[in-house]
C-alpha cells in the first residue's frame, strides 16, 4: 500500500512538472516548454515547439532553437515518446522598436589557440 502511494505521488509530481515559460532581460529572452511522455501520451499535451514559439516576444530575433526528437522515425524519438521528456528551448535578442538593429552585438566566435 505504501509503495502504491509512493508511485502515485511520484508520477503526479513528474506529470505536473511539465510546463512552459518565458524569461526576459532588457535585450534577451529565453522561452521554454516541456512535456512528459508516457506510452505516446504527452502531458500536458501539444507540441512543445509550438508552445515555446507562442511565448516569443513580437520584436524578437531568434538566435538558437533546441528541441528533443519528437518523431517516430528515429530510435531516440520512439524511445523518448514511450517514456521521457520532450523539451524545446528558444533563445534570442529583443530588438529595439525604433532604434538601430545591431547585427551581432556579441562576438560569438570561439576563442582558441588550436589551428589546423
PDB file of N, CA and C in Angstrom:
ATOM      1  N   UNK A   1       0.823  -1.190   0.000  1.00  0.00           N
ATOM      2  CA  UNK A   1       0.000   0.000   0.000  1.00  0.00           C
ATOM      3  C   UNK A   1       0.871   1.260   0.000  1.00  0.00           C
ATOM      4  N   UNK A   2       1.925   1.255   0.798  1.00  0.00           N
ATOM      5  CA  UNK A   2       2.814   2.406   0.855  1.00  0.00           C
ATOM      6  C   UNK A   2       3.524   2.586  -0.485  1.00  0.00           C
ATOM      7  N   UNK A   3       3.911   1.477  -1.121  1.00  0.00           N
ATOM      8  CA  UNK A   3       4.600   1.546  -2.410  1.00  0.00           C
ATOM      9  C   UNK A   3       3.677   2.129  -3.482  1.00  0.00           C
ATOM     10  N   UNK A   4       2.413   1.760  -3.482  1.00  0.00           N
ATOM     11  CA  UNK A   4       1.467   2.299  -4.466  1.00  0.00           C
ATOM     12  C   UNK A   4       1.296   3.803  -4.282  1.00  0.00           C
ATOM     13  N   UNK A   5       1.205   4.245  -3.034  1.00  0.00           N
ATOM     14  CA  UNK A   5       1.071   5.678  -2.774  1.00  0.00           C
ATOM     15  C   UNK A   5       2.330   6.441  -3.203  1.00  0.00           C
ATOM     16  N   UNK A   6       3.486   5.849  -2.968  1.00  0.00           N
ATOM     17  CA  UNK A   6       4.731   6.500  -3.357  1.00  0.00           C
ATOM     18  C   UNK A   6       4.833   6.618  -4.875  1.00  0.00           C
ATOM     19  N   UNK A   7       4.459   5.557  -5.578  1.00  0.00           N
ATOM     20  CA  UNK A   7       4.498   5.580  -7.043  1.00  0.00           C
ATOM     21  C   UNK A   7       3.496   6.593  -7.588  1.00  0.00           C
ATOM     22  N   UNK A   8       2.303   6.638  -7.025  1.00  0.00           N
ATOM     23  CA  UNK A   8       1.289   7.593  -7.460  1.00  0.00           C
ATOM     24  C   UNK A   8       1.742   9.032  -7.208  1.00  0.00           C
ATOM     25  N   UNK A   9       2.328   9.293  -6.054  1.00  0.00           N
ATOM     26  CA  UNK A   9       2.813  10.632  -5.731  1.00  0.00           C
ATOM     27  C   UNK A   9       3.941  11.044  -6.663  1.00  0.00           C
ATOM     28  N   UNK A  10       4.878  10.141  -6.922  1.00  0.00           N
ATOM     29  CA  UNK A  10       5.987  10.433  -7.816  1.00  0.00           C
ATOM     30  C   UNK A  10       5.489  10.684  -9.242  1.00  0.00           C
ATOM     31  N   UNK A  11       4.563   9.886  -9.715  1.00  0.00           N
ATOM     32  CA  UNK A  11       4.014  10.057 -11.056  1.00  0.00           C
ATOM     33  C   UNK A  11       3.311  11.405 -11.192  1.00  0.00           C
ATOM     34  N   UNK A  12       2.518  11.781 -10.205  1.00  0.00           N
ATOM     35  CA  UNK A  12       1.832  13.076 -10.240  1.00  0.00           C
ATOM     36  C   UNK A  12       2.821  14.231 -10.227  1.00  0.00           C
ATOM     37  N   UNK A  13       3.871  14.122  -9.440  1.00  0.00           N
ATOM     38  CA  UNK A  13       4.874  15.189  -9.365  1.00  0.00           C
ATOM     39  C   UNK A  13       5.601  15.356 -10.698  1.00  0.00           C
ATOM     40  N   UNK A  14       5.945  14.251 -11.350  1.00  0.00           N
ATOM     41  CA  UNK A  14       6.629  14.314 -12.644  1.00  0.00           C
ATOM     42  C   UNK A  14       5.704  14.876 -13.707  1.00  0.00           C
ATOM     43  N   UNK A  15       4.445  14.462 -13.706  1.00  0.00           N
ATOM     44  CA  UNK A  15       3.499  14.932 -14.713  1.00  0.00           C
ATOM     45  C   UNK A  15       3.212  16.425 -14.564  1.00  0.00           C
ATOM     46  N   UNK A  16       3.181  16.914 -13.355  1.00  0.00           N
ATOM     47  CA  UNK A  16       2.893  18.323 -13.137  1.00  0.00           C
ATOM     48  C   UNK A  16       4.111  19.204 -13.393  1.00  0.00           C
ATOM     49  N   UNK A  17       5.287  18.598 -13.502  1.00  0.00           N
ATOM     50  CA  UNK A  17       6.492  19.393 -13.717  1.00  0.00           C
ATOM     51  C   UNK A  17       6.606  19.904 -15.141  1.00  0.00           C
ATOM     52  N   UNK A  18       5.878  19.312 -16.075  1.00  0.00           N
ATOM     53  CA  UNK A  18       5.918  19.768 -17.456  1.00  0.00           C
ATOM     54  C   UNK A  18       5.221  21.120 -17.545  1.00  0.00           C
ATOM     55  N   UNK A  19       5.898  22.089 -18.140  1.00  0.00           N
ATOM     56  CA  UNK A  19       5.343  23.437 -18.163  1.00  0.00           C
ATOM     57  C   UNK A  19       5.934  24.211 -19.326  1.00  0.00           C
ATOM     58  N   UNK A  20       5.634  25.492 -19.370  1.00  0.00           N
ATOM     59  CA  UNK A  20       6.249  26.400 -20.327  1.00  0.00           C
ATOM     60  C   UNK A  20       6.417  27.749 -19.655  1.00  0.00           C
ATOM     61  N   UNK A  21       7.380  28.519 -20.142  1.00  0.00           N
ATOM     62  CA  UNK A  21       7.624  29.811 -19.525  1.00  0.00           C
ATOM     63  C   UNK A  21       8.522  30.686 -20.367  1.00  0.00           C
ATOM     64  N   UNK A  22       8.678  31.935 -19.920  1.00  0.00           N
ATOM     65  CA  UNK A  22       9.475  32.932 -20.626  1.00  0.00           C
ATOM     66  C   UNK A  22      10.277  33.739 -19.623  1.00  0.00           C
ATOM     67  N   UNK A  23      11.567  33.903 -19.894  1.00  0.00           N
ATOM     68  CA  UNK A  23      12.436  34.769 -19.090  1.00  0.00           C
ATOM     69  C   UNK A  23      12.965  35.851 -20.011  1.00  0.00           C
ATOM     70  N   UNK A  24      12.967  37.082 -19.527  1.00  0.00           N
ATOM     71  CA  UNK A  24      13.465  38.176 -20.345  1.00  0.00           C
ATOM     72  C   UNK A  24      14.383  39.079 -19.531  1.00  0.00           C
ATOM     73  N   UNK A  25      15.283  39.737 -20.247  1.00  0.00           N
ATOM     74  CA  UNK A  25      16.059  40.843 -19.705  1.00  0.00           C
ATOM     75  C   UNK A  25      15.761  42.034 -20.611  1.00  0.00           C
ATOM     76  N   UNK A  26      16.554  43.076 -20.501  1.00  0.00           N
ATOM     77  CA  UNK A  26      16.337  44.233 -21.366  1.00  0.00           C
ATOM     78  C   UNK A  26      16.546  43.896 -22.841  1.00  0.00           C
ATOM     79  N   UNK A  27      17.483  43.008 -23.123  1.00  0.00           N
ATOM     80  CA  UNK A  27      17.858  42.754 -24.508  1.00  0.00           C
ATOM     81  C   UNK A  27      17.732  41.300 -24.947  1.00  0.00           C
ATOM     82  N   UNK A  28      17.492  40.364 -24.036  1.00  0.00           N
ATOM     83  CA  UNK A  28      17.446  38.952 -24.407  1.00  0.00           C
ATOM     84  C   UNK A  28      16.193  38.282 -23.860  1.00  0.00           C
ATOM     85  N   UNK A  29      15.903  37.104 -24.403  1.00  0.00           N
ATOM     86  CA  UNK A  29      14.785  36.302 -23.913  1.00  0.00           C
ATOM     87  C   UNK A  29      15.141  34.822 -24.002  1.00  0.00           C
ATOM     88  N   UNK A  30      14.441  34.017 -23.237  1.00  0.00           N
ATOM     89  CA  UNK A  30      14.563  32.567 -23.288  1.00  0.00           C
ATOM     90  C   UNK A  30      13.179  31.983 -23.019  1.00  0.00           C
ATOM     91  N   UNK A  31      12.629  31.327 -24.031  1.00  0.00           N
ATOM     92  CA  UNK A  31      11.327  30.678 -23.901  1.00  0.00           C
ATOM     93  C   UNK A  31      11.548  29.169 -23.856  1.00  0.00           C
ATOM     94  N   UNK A  32      10.753  28.479 -23.039  1.00  0.00           N
ATOM     95  CA  UNK A  32      10.896  27.027 -22.945  1.00  0.00           C
ATOM     96  C   UNK A  32       9.528  26.387 -22.771  1.00  0.00           C
ATOM     97  N   UNK A  33       9.440  25.124 -23.173  1.00  0.00           N
ATOM     98  CA  UNK A  33       8.233  24.319 -22.977  1.00  0.00           C
ATOM     99  C   UNK A  33       8.649  22.864 -22.847  1.00  0.00           C
ATOM    100  N   UNK A  34       7.973  22.141 -21.965  1.00  0.00           N
ATOM    101  CA  UNK A  34       8.287  20.738 -21.732  1.00  0.00           C
ATOM    102  C   UNK A  34       7.011  19.904 -21.718  1.00  0.00           C
ATOM    103  N   UNK A  35       7.161  18.639 -22.077  1.00  0.00           N
ATOM    104  CA  UNK A  35       6.109  17.634 -21.966  1.00  0.00           C
ATOM    105  C   UNK A  35       6.691  16.400 -21.302  1.00  0.00           C
ATOM    106  N   UNK A  36       5.877  15.708 -20.537  1.00  0.00           N
ATOM    107  CA  UNK A  36       6.236  14.397 -20.016  1.00  0.00           C
ATOM    108  C   UNK A  36       5.582  13.367 -20.928  1.00  0.00           C
ATOM    109  N   UNK A  37       6.358  12.406 -21.425  1.00  0.00           N
ATOM    110  CA  UNK A  37       5.840  11.380 -22.333  1.00  0.00           C
ATOM    111  C   UNK A  37       5.736  10.049 -21.610  1.00  0.00           C
ATOM    112  N   UNK A  38       4.592   9.414 -21.746  1.00  0.00           N
ATOM    113  CA  UNK A  38       4.381   8.084 -21.187  1.00  0.00           C
ATOM    114  C   UNK A  38       3.500   7.301 -22.143  1.00  0.00           C
ATOM    115  N   UNK A  39       4.077   6.299 -22.801  1.00  0.00           N
ATOM    116  CA  UNK A  39       3.376   5.446 -23.758  1.00  0.00           C
ATOM    117  C   UNK A  39       2.664   6.268 -24.833  1.00  0.00           C
ATOM    118  N   UNK A  40       3.403   7.181 -25.468  1.00  0.00           N
ATOM    119  CA  UNK A  40       2.959   8.050 -26.555  1.00  0.00           C
ATOM    120  C   UNK A  40       1.928   9.094 -26.120  1.00  0.00           C
ATOM    121  N   UNK A  41       1.656   9.192 -24.844  1.00  0.00           N
ATOM    122  CA  UNK A  41       0.759  10.220 -24.315  1.00  0.00           C
ATOM    123  C   UNK A  41       1.618  11.371 -23.820  1.00  0.00           C
ATOM    124  N   UNK A  42       1.361  12.582 -24.313  1.00  0.00           N
ATOM    125  CA  UNK A  42       2.137  13.749 -23.915  1.00  0.00           C
ATOM    126  C   UNK A  42       1.350  14.558 -22.891  1.00  0.00           C
ATOM    127  N   UNK A  43       1.992  14.823 -21.754  1.00  0.00           N
ATOM    128  CA  UNK A  43       1.339  15.571 -20.685  1.00  0.00           C
ATOM    129  C   UNK A  43       2.151  16.820 -20.426  1.00  0.00           C
ATOM    130  N   UNK A  44       1.671  18.023 -20.483  1.00  0.00           N
ATOM    131  CA  UNK A  44       0.293  18.461 -20.585  1.00  0.00           C
ATOM    132  C   UNK A  44      -0.282  18.400 -21.986  1.00  0.00           C
ATOM    133  N   UNK A  45       0.486  18.046 -22.977  1.00  0.00           N
ATOM    134  CA  UNK A  45      -0.066  17.831 -24.308  1.00  0.00           C
ATOM    135  C   UNK A  45       0.360  18.900 -25.291  1.00  0.00           C
ATOM    136  N   UNK A  46       0.226  18.583 -26.542  1.00  0.00           N
ATOM    137  CA  UNK A  46       0.594  19.518 -27.592  1.00  0.00           C
ATOM    138  C   UNK A  46       2.065  19.474 -27.909  1.00  0.00           C
ATOM    139  N   UNK A  47       2.430  20.154 -28.951  1.00  0.00           N
ATOM    140  CA  UNK A  47       3.808  20.221 -29.394  1.00  0.00           C
ATOM    141  C   UNK A  47       4.555  21.257 -28.564  1.00  0.00           C
ATOM    142  N   UNK A  48       5.649  20.867 -27.947  1.00  0.00           N
ATOM    143  CA  UNK A  48       6.393  21.798 -27.099  1.00  0.00           C
ATOM    144  C   UNK A  48       6.997  22.940 -27.917  1.00  0.00           C
ATOM    145  N   UNK A  49       7.355  22.671 -29.172  1.00  0.00           N
ATOM    146  CA  UNK A  49       7.931  23.727 -30.001  1.00  0.00           C
ATOM    147  C   UNK A  49       6.886  24.800 -30.316  1.00  0.00           C
ATOM    148  N   UNK A  50       5.666  24.414 -30.590  1.00  0.00           N
ATOM    149  CA  UNK A  50       4.611  25.401 -30.844  1.00  0.00           C
ATOM    150  C   UNK A  50       4.309  26.218 -29.597  1.00  0.00           C
ATOM    151  N   UNK A  51       4.296  25.559 -28.438  1.00  0.00           N
ATOM    152  CA  UNK A  51       4.030  26.290 -27.197  1.00  0.00           C
ATOM    153  C   UNK A  51       5.143  27.280 -26.882  1.00  0.00           C
ATOM    154  N   UNK A  52       6.402  26.890 -27.121  1.00  0.00           N
ATOM    155  CA  UNK A  52       7.518  27.803 -26.871  1.00  0.00           C
ATOM    156  C   UNK A  52       7.506  28.964 -27.870  1.00  0.00           C
ATOM    157  N   UNK A  53       7.209  28.693 -29.136  1.00  0.00           N
ATOM    158  CA  UNK A  53       7.151  29.754 -30.141  1.00  0.00           C
ATOM    159  C   UNK A  53       6.047  30.762 -29.833  1.00  0.00           C
ATOM    160  N   UNK A  54       4.964  30.315 -29.219  1.00  0.00           N
ATOM    161  CA  UNK A  54       3.877  31.224 -28.864  1.00  0.00           C
ATOM    162  C   UNK A  54       4.301  32.215 -27.778  1.00  0.00           C
ATOM    163  N   UNK A  55       5.337  31.907 -27.023  1.00  0.00           N
ATOM    164  CA  UNK A  55       5.809  32.783 -25.954  1.00  0.00           C
ATOM    165  C   UNK A  55       6.863  33.796 -26.402  1.00  0.00           C
ATOM    166  N   UNK A  56       7.411  33.622 -27.604  1.00  0.00           N
ATOM    167  CA  UNK A  56       8.472  34.513 -28.096  1.00  0.00           C
ATOM    168  C   UNK A  56       7.897  35.919 -28.289  1.00  0.00           C
ATOM    169  N   UNK A  57       8.580  36.960 -27.770  1.00  0.00           N
ATOM    170  CA  UNK A  57       8.093  38.329 -27.952  1.00  0.00           C
ATOM    171  C   UNK A  57       8.002  38.712 -29.435  1.00  0.00           C
ATOM    172  N   UNK A  58       7.127  39.669 -29.752  1.00  0.00           N
ATOM    173  CA  UNK A  58       6.904  40.070 -31.148  1.00  0.00           C
ATOM    174  C   UNK A  58       8.151  40.645 -31.806  1.00  0.00           C
ATOM    175  N   UNK A  59       8.834  41.536 -31.139  1.00  0.00           N
ATOM    176  CA  UNK A  59      10.005  42.189 -31.725  1.00  0.00           C
ATOM    177  C   UNK A  59      11.284  41.470 -31.314  1.00  0.00           C
ATOM    178  N   UNK A  60      11.342  40.170 -31.623  1.00  0.00           N
ATOM    179  CA  UNK A  60      12.485  39.354 -31.194  1.00  0.00           C
ATOM    180  C   UNK A  60      13.146  38.692 -32.390  1.00  0.00           C
ATOM    181  N   UNK A  61      14.431  38.481 -32.251  1.00  0.00           N
ATOM    182  CA  UNK A  61      15.194  37.735 -33.243  1.00  0.00           C
ATOM    183  C   UNK A  61      15.671  36.453 -32.583  1.00  0.00           C
ATOM    184  N   UNK A  62      15.319  35.318 -33.155  1.00  0.00           N
ATOM    185  CA  UNK A  62      15.690  34.023 -32.592  1.00  0.00           C
ATOM    186  C   UNK A  62      17.131  33.705 -32.983  1.00  0.00           C
ATOM    187  N   UNK A  63      17.955  33.416 -31.986  1.00  0.00           N
ATOM    188  CA  UNK A  63      19.342  33.032 -32.231  1.00  0.00           C
ATOM    189  C   UNK A  63      19.522  31.521 -32.202  1.00  0.00           C
ATOM    190  N   UNK A  64      18.924  30.841 -31.219  1.00  0.00           N
ATOM    191  CA  UNK A  64      19.034  29.385 -31.135  1.00  0.00           C
ATOM    192  C   UNK A  64      17.690  28.769 -30.797  1.00  0.00           C
ATOM    193  N   UNK A  65      17.476  27.573 -31.319  1.00  0.00           N
ATOM    194  CA  UNK A  65      16.291  26.788 -31.015  1.00  0.00           C
ATOM    195  C   UNK A  65      16.766  25.353 -30.800  1.00  0.00           C
ATOM    196  N   UNK A  66      16.545  24.831 -29.606  1.00  0.00           N
ATOM    197  CA  UNK A  66      16.969  23.474 -29.260  1.00  0.00           C
ATOM    198  C   UNK A  66      15.731  22.672 -28.906  1.00  0.00           C
ATOM    199  N   UNK A  67      15.595  21.499 -29.527  1.00  0.00           N
ATOM    200  CA  UNK A  67      14.414  20.680 -29.289  1.00  0.00           C
ATOM    201  C   UNK A  67      14.799  19.207 -29.308  1.00  0.00           C
ATOM    202  N   UNK A  68      14.133  18.409 -28.490  1.00  0.00           N
ATOM    203  CA  UNK A  68      14.390  16.968 -28.475  1.00  0.00           C
ATOM    204  C   UNK A  68      13.700  16.301 -29.659  1.00  0.00           C
ATOM    205  N   UNK A  69      14.169  15.128 -30.075  1.00  0.00           N
ATOM    206  CA  UNK A  69      13.487  14.409 -31.153  1.00  0.00           C
ATOM    207  C   UNK A  69      12.070  14.044 -30.710  1.00  0.00           C
ATOM    208  N   UNK A  70      11.108  14.420 -31.521  1.00  0.00           N
ATOM    209  CA  UNK A  70       9.707  14.162 -31.194  1.00  0.00           C
ATOM    210  C   UNK A  70       9.034  13.530 -32.408  1.00  0.00           C
ATOM    211  N   UNK A  71       9.565  12.412 -32.840  1.00  0.00           N
ATOM    212  CA  UNK A  71       9.028  11.765 -34.023  1.00  0.00           C
ATOM    213  C   UNK A  71       9.028  10.258 -33.831  1.00  0.00           C
ATOM    214  N   UNK A  72       8.493   9.565 -34.793  1.00  0.00           N
ATOM    215  CA  UNK A  72       8.502   8.104 -34.741  1.00  0.00           C
ATOM    216  C   UNK A  72       9.338   7.539 -35.881  1.00  0.00           C
ATOM    217  N   UNK A  73      10.263   8.341 -36.414  1.00  0.00           N
ATOM    218  CA  UNK A  73      11.121   7.871 -37.497  1.00  0.00           C
ATOM    219  C   UNK A  73      12.529   7.537 -37.020  1.00  0.00           C
ATOM    220  N   UNK A  74      12.836   7.841 -35.750  1.00  0.00           N
ATOM    221  CA  UNK A  74      14.166   7.525 -35.228  1.00  0.00           C
ATOM    222  C   UNK A  74      14.026   6.721 -33.935  1.00  0.00           C
ATOM    223  N   UNK A  75      15.081   5.991 -33.607  1.00  0.00           N
ATOM    224  CA  UNK A  75      15.069   5.190 -32.389  1.00  0.00           C
ATOM    225  C   UNK A  75      14.912   6.069 -31.155  1.00  0.00           C
ATOM    226  N   UNK A  76      15.683   7.176 -31.105  1.00  0.00           N
ATOM    227  CA  UNK A  76      15.587   8.067 -29.944  1.00  0.00           C
ATOM    228  C   UNK A  76      14.223   8.729 -29.845  1.00  0.00           C
ATOM    229  N   UNK A  77      13.630   9.047 -30.991  1.00  0.00           N
ATOM    230  CA  UNK A  77      12.298   9.633 -30.974  1.00  0.00           C
ATOM    231  C   UNK A  77      11.254   8.671 -30.413  1.00  0.00           C
ATOM    232  N   UNK A  78      11.312   7.412 -30.810  1.00  0.00           N
ATOM    233  CA  UNK A  78      10.371   6.407 -30.303  1.00  0.00           C
ATOM    234  C   UNK A  78      10.602   6.151 -28.827  1.00  0.00           C
ATOM    235  N   UNK A  79      11.873   6.000 -28.429  1.00  0.00           N
ATOM    236  CA  UNK A  79      12.193   5.762 -27.024  1.00  0.00           C
ATOM    237  C   UNK A  79      11.730   6.930 -26.154  1.00  0.00           C
ATOM    238  N   UNK A  80      11.925   8.144 -26.637  1.00  0.00           N
ATOM    239  CA  UNK A  80      11.506   9.323 -25.890  1.00  0.00           C
ATOM    240  C   UNK A  80       9.989   9.414 -25.775  1.00  0.00           C
ATOM    241  N   UNK A  81       9.269   8.952 -26.789  1.00  0.00           N
ATOM    242  CA  UNK A  81       7.802   9.007 -26.729  1.00  0.00           C
ATOM    243  C   UNK A  81       7.226   7.906 -25.833  1.00  0.00           C
ATOM    244  N   UNK A  82       7.951   6.799 -25.652  1.00  0.00           N
ATOM    245  CA  UNK A  82       7.465   5.742 -24.761  1.00  0.00           C
ATOM    246  C   UNK A  82       7.563   6.206 -23.316  1.00  0.00           C
ATOM    247  N   UNK A  83       8.730   6.672 -22.905  1.00  0.00           N
ATOM    248  CA  UNK A  83       8.877   7.285 -21.584  1.00  0.00           C
ATOM    249  C   UNK A  83      10.044   8.267 -21.658  1.00  0.00           C
ATOM    250  N   UNK A  84       9.780   9.500 -21.314  1.00  0.00           N
ATOM    251  CA  UNK A  84      10.825  10.506 -21.370  1.00  0.00           C
ATOM    252  C   UNK A  84      10.262  11.907 -21.287  1.00  0.00           C
ATOM    253  N   UNK A  85      11.126  12.863 -21.573  1.00  0.00           N
ATOM    254  CA  UNK A  85      10.757  14.279 -21.558  1.00  0.00           C
ATOM    255  C   UNK A  85      10.965  14.848 -22.950  1.00  0.00           C
ATOM    256  N   UNK A  86      10.058  15.694 -23.351  1.00  0.00           N
ATOM    257  CA  UNK A  86      10.151  16.405 -24.615  1.00  0.00           C
ATOM    258  C   UNK A  86      10.284  17.878 -24.269  1.00  0.00           C
ATOM    259  N   UNK A  87      11.334  18.532 -24.724  1.00  0.00           N
ATOM    260  CA  UNK A  87      11.506  19.944 -24.375  1.00  0.00           C
ATOM    261  C   UNK A  87      11.973  20.754 -25.573  1.00  0.00           C
ATOM    262  N   UNK A  88      11.671  22.029 -25.529  1.00  0.00           N
ATOM    263  CA  UNK A  88      12.127  22.991 -26.528  1.00  0.00           C
ATOM    264  C   UNK A  88      12.599  24.238 -25.798  1.00  0.00           C
ATOM    265  N   UNK A  89      13.759  24.752 -26.186  1.00  0.00           N
ATOM    266  CA  UNK A  89      14.295  25.986 -25.635  1.00  0.00           C
ATOM    267  C   UNK A  89      14.612  26.922 -26.791  1.00  0.00           C
ATOM    268  N   UNK A  90      14.147  28.163 -26.697  1.00  0.00           N
ATOM    269  CA  UNK A  90      14.389  29.170 -27.729  1.00  0.00           C
ATOM    270  C   UNK A  90      15.067  30.368 -27.072  1.00  0.00           C
ATOM    271  N   UNK A  91      16.218  30.764 -27.600  1.00  0.00           N
ATOM    272  CA  UNK A  91      16.974  31.910 -27.085  1.00  0.00           C
ATOM    273  C   UNK A  91      17.123  32.946 -28.182  1.00  0.00           C
ATOM    274  N   UNK A  92      17.131  34.215 -27.788  1.00  0.00           N
ATOM    275  CA  UNK A  92      17.314  35.259 -28.781  1.00  0.00           C
ATOM    276  C   UNK A  92      17.426  36.631 -28.170  1.00  0.00           C
ATOM    277  N   UNK A  93      17.386  37.623 -29.049  1.00  0.00           N
ATOM    278  CA  UNK A  93      17.511  39.015 -28.654  1.00  0.00           C
ATOM    279  C   UNK A  93      16.210  39.761 -28.911  1.00  0.00           C
ATOM    280  N   UNK A  94      15.890  40.673 -28.025  1.00  0.00           N
ATOM    281  CA  UNK A  94      14.734  41.543 -28.208  1.00  0.00           C
ATOM    282  C   UNK A  94      15.235  42.791 -28.923  1.00  0.00           C
ATOM    283  N   UNK A  95      14.687  43.050 -30.101  1.00  0.00           N
ATOM    284  CA  UNK A  95      15.135  44.170 -30.913  1.00  0.00           C
ATOM    285  C   UNK A  95      14.449  45.453 -30.468  1.00  0.00           C
ATOM    286  N   UNK A  96      15.171  46.579 -30.525  1.00  0.00           N
ATOM    287  CA  UNK A  96      14.535  47.856 -30.172  1.00  0.00           C
ATOM    288  C   UNK A  96      13.478  48.215 -31.210  1.00  0.00           C
ATOM    289  N   UNK A  97      12.371  48.806 -30.759  1.00  0.00           N
ATOM    290  CA  UNK A  97      11.272  49.114 -31.670  1.00  0.00           C
ATOM    291  C   UNK A  97      11.626  50.230 -32.639  1.00  0.00           C
ATOM    292  N   UNK A  98      12.304  51.286 -32.187  1.00  0.00           N
ATOM    293  CA  UNK A  98      12.609  52.422 -33.054  1.00  0.00           C
ATOM    294  C   UNK A  98      14.098  52.658 -33.235  1.00  0.00           C
ATOM    295  N   UNK A  99      14.907  51.888 -32.579  1.00  0.00           N
ATOM    296  CA  UNK A  99      16.343  52.106 -32.627  1.00  0.00           C
ATOM    297  C   UNK A  99      17.005  51.313 -33.732  1.00  0.00           C
ATOM    298  N   UNK A 100      18.320  51.479 -33.874  1.00  0.00           N
ATOM    299  CA  UNK A 100      19.046  50.718 -34.889  1.00  0.00           C
ATOM    300  C   UNK A 100      19.137  49.246 -34.501  1.00  0.00           C
ATOM    301  N   UNK A 101      19.128  48.404 -35.505  1.00  0.00           N
ATOM    302  CA  UNK A 101      19.234  46.966 -35.281  1.00  0.00           C
ATOM    303  C   UNK A 101      20.707  46.582 -35.391  1.00  0.00           C
ATOM    304  N   UNK A 102      21.249  46.021 -34.338  1.00  0.00           N
ATOM    305  CA  UNK A 102      22.632  45.585 -34.335  1.00  0.00           C
ATOM    306  C   UNK A 102      22.705  44.169 -34.864  1.00  0.00           C
ATOM    307  N   UNK A 103      23.567  43.944 -35.838  1.00  0.00           N
ATOM    308  CA  UNK A 103      23.674  42.617 -36.439  1.00  0.00           C
ATOM    309  C   UNK A 103      24.215  41.592 -35.444  1.00  0.00           C
ATOM    310  N   UNK A 104      25.378  41.846 -34.885  1.00  0.00           N
ATOM    311  CA  UNK A 104      25.998  40.938 -33.925  1.00  0.00           C
ATOM    312  C   UNK A 104      26.636  41.750 -32.809  1.00  0.00           C
ATOM    313  N   UNK A 105      25.868  42.140 -31.791  1.00  0.00           N
ATOM    314  CA  UNK A 105      26.450  42.937 -30.730  1.00  0.00           C
ATOM    315  C   UNK A 105      27.433  42.152 -29.869  1.00  0.00           C
ATOM    316  N   UNK A 106      27.379  40.835 -29.935  1.00  0.00           N
ATOM    317  CA  UNK A 106      28.278  39.996 -29.140  1.00  0.00           C
ATOM    318  C   UNK A 106      29.084  39.141 -30.106  1.00  0.00           C
ATOM    319  N   UNK A 107      30.377  39.084 -29.870  1.00  0.00           N
ATOM    320  CA  UNK A 107      31.238  38.246 -30.692  1.00  0.00           C
ATOM    321  C   UNK A 107      31.006  36.795 -30.305  1.00  0.00           C
ATOM    322  N   UNK A 108      30.487  35.987 -31.216  1.00  0.00           N
ATOM    323  CA  UNK A 108      30.142  34.597 -30.904  1.00  0.00           C
ATOM    324  C   UNK A 108      31.200  33.611 -31.375  1.00  0.00           C
ATOM    325  N   UNK A 109      32.311  34.101 -31.892  1.00  0.00           N
ATOM    326  CA  UNK A 109      33.348  33.204 -32.359  1.00  0.00           C
ATOM    327  C   UNK A 109      34.122  32.642 -31.177  1.00  0.00           C
ATOM    328  N   UNK A 110      34.346  31.326 -31.148  1.00  0.00           N
ATOM    329  CA  UNK A 110      35.105  30.742 -30.037  1.00  0.00           C
ATOM    330  C   UNK A 110      36.552  31.206 -30.067  1.00  0.00           C
ATOM    331  N   UNK A 111      37.086  31.440 -28.899  1.00  0.00           N
ATOM    332  CA  UNK A 111      38.482  31.835 -28.768  1.00  0.00           C
ATOM    333  C   UNK A 111      39.292  30.585 -28.453  1.00  0.00           C
ATOM    334  N   UNK A 112      40.236  30.275 -29.324  1.00  0.00           N
ATOM    335  CA  UNK A 112      41.027  29.064 -29.137  1.00  0.00           C
ATOM    336  C   UNK A 112      42.408  29.262 -29.740  1.00  0.00           C
ATOM    337  N   UNK A 113      43.384  28.572 -29.198  1.00  0.00           N
ATOM    338  CA  UNK A 113      44.723  28.621 -29.755  1.00  0.00           C
ATOM    339  C   UNK A 113      44.937  27.481 -30.751  1.00  0.00           C
ATOM    340  N   UNK A 114      43.942  26.643 -30.925  1.00  0.00           N
ATOM    341  CA  UNK A 114      44.059  25.497 -31.836  1.00  0.00           C
ATOM    342  C   UNK A 114      43.951  25.976 -33.272  1.00  0.00           C
ATOM    343  N   UNK A 115      44.869  25.547 -34.124  1.00  0.00           N
ATOM    344  CA  UNK A 115      44.832  25.892 -35.536  1.00  0.00           C
ATOM    345  C   UNK A 115      45.060  24.656 -36.356  1.00  0.00           C
ATOM    346  N   UNK A 116      44.435  24.593 -37.500  1.00  0.00           N
ATOM    347  CA  UNK A 116      44.618  23.451 -38.407  1.00  0.00           C
ATOM    348  C   UNK A 116      45.818  23.639 -39.281  1.00  0.00           C
TER     349      UNK A 116
END
